[in-house]
């Protein structure tokens, strides 16, 4: 399927707005679409410069907002002591399920990530929000929030 370019309009910020018609109505070509958004909160240092308290504050603000706004669950990383609902992080079963779905946050291991301190205080203040409608958010991995 192709998009009828005569129906594509220009958005307020210069982007394109594509009509809500199915891209591939027969399901012959498109099997998966992923859109990522990365955000950092105002007034908080970027992840490599965060203190443990900064990480805990971002985790609390973002996870509580996501849980309140949707139908989903927040999973603090195993071993994390910063999320009061699960003082030692997610269960082994939840970790296995998220790993199977390829959603579990990987511990930074590249020389670049380690040199920039992305692994500081690992795993505290980090986790995954998984919504019932397929929304997934990583908190405090390499950005404050990755949707």
C-alpha atoms as a PDB file:
ATOM      1  CA  UNK A   1       0.000   0.000   0.000  1.00  0.00           C
ATOM      2  CA  UNK A   2       1.034   3.519  -0.719  1.00  0.00           C
ATOM      3  CA  UNK A   3      -0.073   6.729   0.917  1.00  0.00           C
ATOM      4  CA  UNK A   4      -2.088   9.107  -1.244  1.00  0.00           C
ATOM      5  CA  UNK A   5       0.190  12.160  -1.020  1.00  0.00           C
ATOM      6  CA  UNK A   6      -2.683  14.450  -2.002  1.00  0.00           C
ATOM      7  CA  UNK A   7      -4.173  13.736   1.456  1.00  0.00           C
ATOM      8  CA  UNK A   8      -0.979  14.492   3.391  1.00  0.00           C
ATOM      9  CA  UNK A   9      -1.008  17.920   5.010  1.00  0.00           C
ATOM     10  CA  UNK A  10       1.603  20.063   6.705  1.00  0.00           C
ATOM     11  CA  UNK A  11       1.561  20.148  10.503  1.00  0.00           C
ATOM     12  CA  UNK A  12       1.971  23.223  12.716  1.00  0.00           C
ATOM     13  CA  UNK A  13       5.676  22.522  13.286  1.00  0.00           C
ATOM     14  CA  UNK A  14       6.489  21.654   9.691  1.00  0.00           C
ATOM     15  CA  UNK A  15       5.999  17.903   9.997  1.00  0.00           C
ATOM     16  CA  UNK A  16       3.642  15.875   7.860  1.00  0.00           C
ATOM     17  CA  UNK A  17       0.255  14.706   9.043  1.00  0.00           C
ATOM     18  CA  UNK A  18      -0.691  11.449   7.382  1.00  0.00           C
ATOM     19  CA  UNK A  19      -4.379  10.499   7.297  1.00  0.00           C
ATOM     20  CA  UNK A  20      -5.444   7.677   9.616  1.00  0.00           C
ATOM     21  CA  UNK A  21      -5.921   5.221   6.758  1.00  0.00           C
ATOM     22  CA  UNK A  22      -4.292   1.812   7.110  1.00  0.00           C
ATOM     23  CA  UNK A  23      -0.813   1.781   5.585  1.00  0.00           C
ATOM     24  CA  UNK A  24      -1.080  -1.862   4.565  1.00  0.00           C
ATOM     25  CA  UNK A  25      -4.745  -2.945   4.773  1.00  0.00           C
ATOM     26  CA  UNK A  26      -4.047  -6.550   3.699  1.00  0.00           C
ATOM     27  CA  UNK A  27      -1.126  -6.953   6.122  1.00  0.00           C
ATOM     28  CA  UNK A  28       1.198  -8.103   3.356  1.00  0.00           C
ATOM     29  CA  UNK A  29       4.097  -5.720   3.961  1.00  0.00           C
ATOM     30  CA  UNK A  30       3.911  -3.987   7.338  1.00  0.00           C
ATOM     31  CA  UNK A  31       4.340  -6.299  10.312  1.00  0.00           C
ATOM     32  CA  UNK A  32       5.602  -3.879  12.940  1.00  0.00           C
ATOM     33  CA  UNK A  33       5.814  -0.133  13.467  1.00  0.00           C
ATOM     34  CA  UNK A  34       7.819   1.448  16.251  1.00  0.00           C
ATOM     35  CA  UNK A  35       7.900   5.102  17.185  1.00  0.00           C
ATOM     36  CA  UNK A  36      10.247   6.281  19.916  1.00  0.00           C
ATOM     37  CA  UNK A  37      10.137   9.526  21.824  1.00  0.00           C
ATOM     38  CA  UNK A  38      12.929  10.574  24.190  1.00  0.00           C
ATOM     39  CA  UNK A  39      12.467  13.263  26.804  1.00  0.00           C
ATOM     40  CA  UNK A  40      14.414  14.767  29.667  1.00  0.00           C
ATOM     41  CA  UNK A  41      12.701  16.656  32.463  1.00  0.00           C
ATOM     42  CA  UNK A  42      13.314  20.338  32.967  1.00  0.00           C
ATOM     43  CA  UNK A  43      15.380  21.182  36.016  1.00  0.00           C
ATOM     44  CA  UNK A  44      16.984  17.739  36.322  1.00  0.00           C
ATOM     45  CA  UNK A  45      20.522  16.912  35.121  1.00  0.00           C
ATOM     46  CA  UNK A  46      20.903  14.549  32.179  1.00  0.00           C
ATOM     47  CA  UNK A  47      21.183  10.879  33.162  1.00  0.00           C
ATOM     48  CA  UNK A  48      25.005  10.684  33.216  1.00  0.00           C
ATOM     49  CA  UNK A  49      25.151  13.621  35.664  1.00  0.00           C
ATOM     50  CA  UNK A  50      22.262  12.595  37.924  1.00  0.00           C
ATOM     51  CA  UNK A  51      22.672  11.842  41.610  1.00  0.00           C
ATOM     52  CA  UNK A  52      20.853   8.940  43.208  1.00  0.00           C
ATOM     53  CA  UNK A  53      18.282  11.387  44.578  1.00  0.00           C
ATOM     54  CA  UNK A  54      17.744  12.883  41.093  1.00  0.00           C
ATOM     55  CA  UNK A  55      17.155   9.398  39.700  1.00  0.00           C
ATOM     56  CA  UNK A  56      14.690   8.560  42.476  1.00  0.00           C
ATOM     57  CA  UNK A  57      12.824  11.859  41.934  1.00  0.00           C
ATOM     58  CA  UNK A  58      12.518  11.262  38.161  1.00  0.00           C
ATOM     59  CA  UNK A  59      11.436   7.643  38.689  1.00  0.00           C
ATOM     60  CA  UNK A  60       8.722   8.715  41.126  1.00  0.00           C
ATOM     61  CA  UNK A  61       7.408  11.561  38.965  1.00  0.00           C
ATOM     62  CA  UNK A  62       7.394   9.701  35.657  1.00  0.00           C
ATOM     63  CA  UNK A  63       6.262   6.267  36.873  1.00  0.00           C
ATOM     64  CA  UNK A  64       3.450   7.702  39.006  1.00  0.00           C
ATOM     65  CA  UNK A  65       2.277   9.872  36.082  1.00  0.00           C
ATOM     66  CA  UNK A  66       2.267   6.953  33.640  1.00  0.00           C
ATOM     67  CA  UNK A  67       0.446   4.633  36.035  1.00  0.00           C
ATOM     68  CA  UNK A  68      -2.142   7.327  36.845  1.00  0.00           C
ATOM     69  CA  UNK A  69      -2.706   8.148  33.155  1.00  0.00           C
ATOM     70  CA  UNK A  70      -3.040   4.640  31.788  1.00  0.00           C
ATOM     71  CA  UNK A  71      -3.903   1.050  32.360  1.00  0.00           C
ATOM     72  CA  UNK A  72      -0.516  -0.445  33.030  1.00  0.00           C
ATOM     73  CA  UNK A  73       2.117  -1.352  35.548  1.00  0.00           C
ATOM     74  CA  UNK A  74       5.535  -0.054  36.524  1.00  0.00           C
ATOM     75  CA  UNK A  75       8.345  -2.544  37.079  1.00  0.00           C
ATOM     76  CA  UNK A  76      11.382  -1.289  39.014  1.00  0.00           C
ATOM     77  CA  UNK A  77      14.544  -3.139  37.970  1.00  0.00           C
ATOM     78  CA  UNK A  78      15.508  -6.134  40.073  1.00  0.00           C
ATOM     79  CA  UNK A  79      17.630  -5.088  43.013  1.00  0.00           C
ATOM     80  CA  UNK A  80      16.357  -1.503  42.978  1.00  0.00           C
ATOM     81  CA  UNK A  81      15.386  -0.171  46.399  1.00  0.00           C
ATOM     82  CA  UNK A  82      13.927   3.146  45.243  1.00  0.00           C
ATOM     83  CA  UNK A  83      10.361   2.100  44.336  1.00  0.00           C
ATOM     84  CA  UNK A  84       8.258   1.702  47.485  1.00  0.00           C
ATOM     85  CA  UNK A  85       5.671  -0.621  45.898  1.00  0.00           C
ATOM     86  CA  UNK A  86       8.377  -3.220  45.174  1.00  0.00           C
ATOM     87  CA  UNK A  87      11.283  -2.532  47.561  1.00  0.00           C
ATOM     88  CA  UNK A  88      13.615  -5.030  45.830  1.00  0.00           C
ATOM     89  CA  UNK A  89      12.407  -4.448  42.288  1.00  0.00           C
ATOM     90  CA  UNK A  90      10.392  -6.699  40.018  1.00  0.00           C
ATOM     91  CA  UNK A  91       9.954 -10.433  40.517  1.00  0.00           C
ATOM     92  CA  UNK A  92      11.937 -13.081  38.652  1.00  0.00           C
ATOM     93  CA  UNK A  93       8.761 -13.924  36.693  1.00  0.00           C
ATOM     94  CA  UNK A  94       8.224 -10.316  35.625  1.00  0.00           C
ATOM     95  CA  UNK A  95      11.902  -9.986  34.634  1.00  0.00           C
ATOM     96  CA  UNK A  96      11.689 -13.177  32.552  1.00  0.00           C
ATOM     97  CA  UNK A  97       8.507 -11.959  30.838  1.00  0.00           C
ATOM     98  CA  UNK A  98      10.015  -8.550  30.032  1.00  0.00           C
ATOM     99  CA  UNK A  99      13.204 -10.232  28.798  1.00  0.00           C
ATOM    100  CA  UNK A 100      11.158 -12.520  26.513  1.00  0.00           C
ATOM    101  CA  UNK A 101       9.382  -9.442  25.140  1.00  0.00           C
ATOM    102  CA  UNK A 102      12.795  -7.745  24.700  1.00  0.00           C
ATOM    103  CA  UNK A 103      11.735  -4.891  27.001  1.00  0.00           C
ATOM    104  CA  UNK A 104      14.065  -5.392  29.960  1.00  0.00           C
ATOM    105  CA  UNK A 105      16.514  -2.526  30.366  1.00  0.00           C
ATOM    106  CA  UNK A 106      20.020  -3.727  29.581  1.00  0.00           C
ATOM    107  CA  UNK A 107      22.768  -2.620  31.952  1.00  0.00           C
ATOM    108  CA  UNK A 108      25.051  -0.241  30.055  1.00  0.00           C
ATOM    109  CA  UNK A 109      28.215  -2.084  29.085  1.00  0.00           C
ATOM    110  CA  UNK A 110      29.810  -0.298  26.145  1.00  0.00           C
ATOM    111  CA  UNK A 111      32.993   1.665  26.872  1.00  0.00           C
ATOM    112  CA  UNK A 112      31.202   4.884  25.874  1.00  0.00           C
ATOM    113  CA  UNK A 113      28.260   4.264  28.212  1.00  0.00           C
ATOM    114  CA  UNK A 114      30.539   3.331  31.105  1.00  0.00           C
ATOM    115  CA  UNK A 115      32.774   6.361  30.515  1.00  0.00           C
ATOM    116  CA  UNK A 116      29.708   8.622  30.686  1.00  0.00           C
ATOM    117  CA  UNK A 117      28.503   6.997  33.954  1.00  0.00           C
ATOM    118  CA  UNK A 118      25.212   5.668  32.531  1.00  0.00           C
ATOM    119  CA  UNK A 119      25.621   2.733  34.924  1.00  0.00           C
ATOM    120  CA  UNK A 120      25.934   4.888  38.077  1.00  0.00           C
ATOM    121  CA  UNK A 121      23.800   3.541  40.946  1.00  0.00           C
ATOM    122  CA  UNK A 122      22.622   0.631  38.761  1.00  0.00           C
ATOM    123  CA  UNK A 123      19.820  -0.605  39.081  1.00  0.00           C
ATOM    124  CA  UNK A 124      18.350   1.987  41.465  1.00  0.00           C
ATOM    125  CA  UNK A 125      15.830   4.513  40.144  1.00  0.00           C
ATOM    126  CA  UNK A 126      15.281   2.676  36.863  1.00  0.00           C
ATOM    127  CA  UNK A 127      12.445   0.644  35.458  1.00  0.00           C
ATOM    128  CA  UNK A 128       9.920  -0.141  32.772  1.00  0.00           C
ATOM    129  CA  UNK A 129       6.298   0.905  32.459  1.00  0.00           C
ATOM    130  CA  UNK A 130       4.219  -1.509  30.403  1.00  0.00           C
ATOM    131  CA  UNK A 131       0.752  -0.365  29.396  1.00  0.00           C
ATOM    132  CA  UNK A 132      -2.121  -2.679  28.554  1.00  0.00           C
ATOM    133  CA  UNK A 133      -2.401  -1.193  25.056  1.00  0.00           C
ATOM    134  CA  UNK A 134       1.236  -1.808  24.146  1.00  0.00           C
ATOM    135  CA  UNK A 135       2.747   1.411  25.456  1.00  0.00           C
ATOM    136  CA  UNK A 136       6.222   0.875  26.880  1.00  0.00           C
ATOM    137  CA  UNK A 137       8.384   3.401  28.702  1.00  0.00           C
ATOM    138  CA  UNK A 138      11.946   3.076  29.961  1.00  0.00           C
ATOM    139  CA  UNK A 139      12.754   5.323  32.902  1.00  0.00           C
ATOM    140  CA  UNK A 140      16.288   6.595  33.602  1.00  0.00           C
ATOM    141  CA  UNK A 141      18.165   4.422  31.137  1.00  0.00           C
ATOM    142  CA  UNK A 142      19.969   6.775  28.753  1.00  0.00           C
ATOM    143  CA  UNK A 143      17.309   9.508  28.982  1.00  0.00           C
ATOM    144  CA  UNK A 144      14.834  10.326  31.741  1.00  0.00           C
ATOM    145  CA  UNK A 145      12.032   8.855  29.617  1.00  0.00           C
ATOM    146  CA  UNK A 146      12.010   6.790  26.435  1.00  0.00           C
ATOM    147  CA  UNK A 147       8.558   5.874  25.063  1.00  0.00           C
END
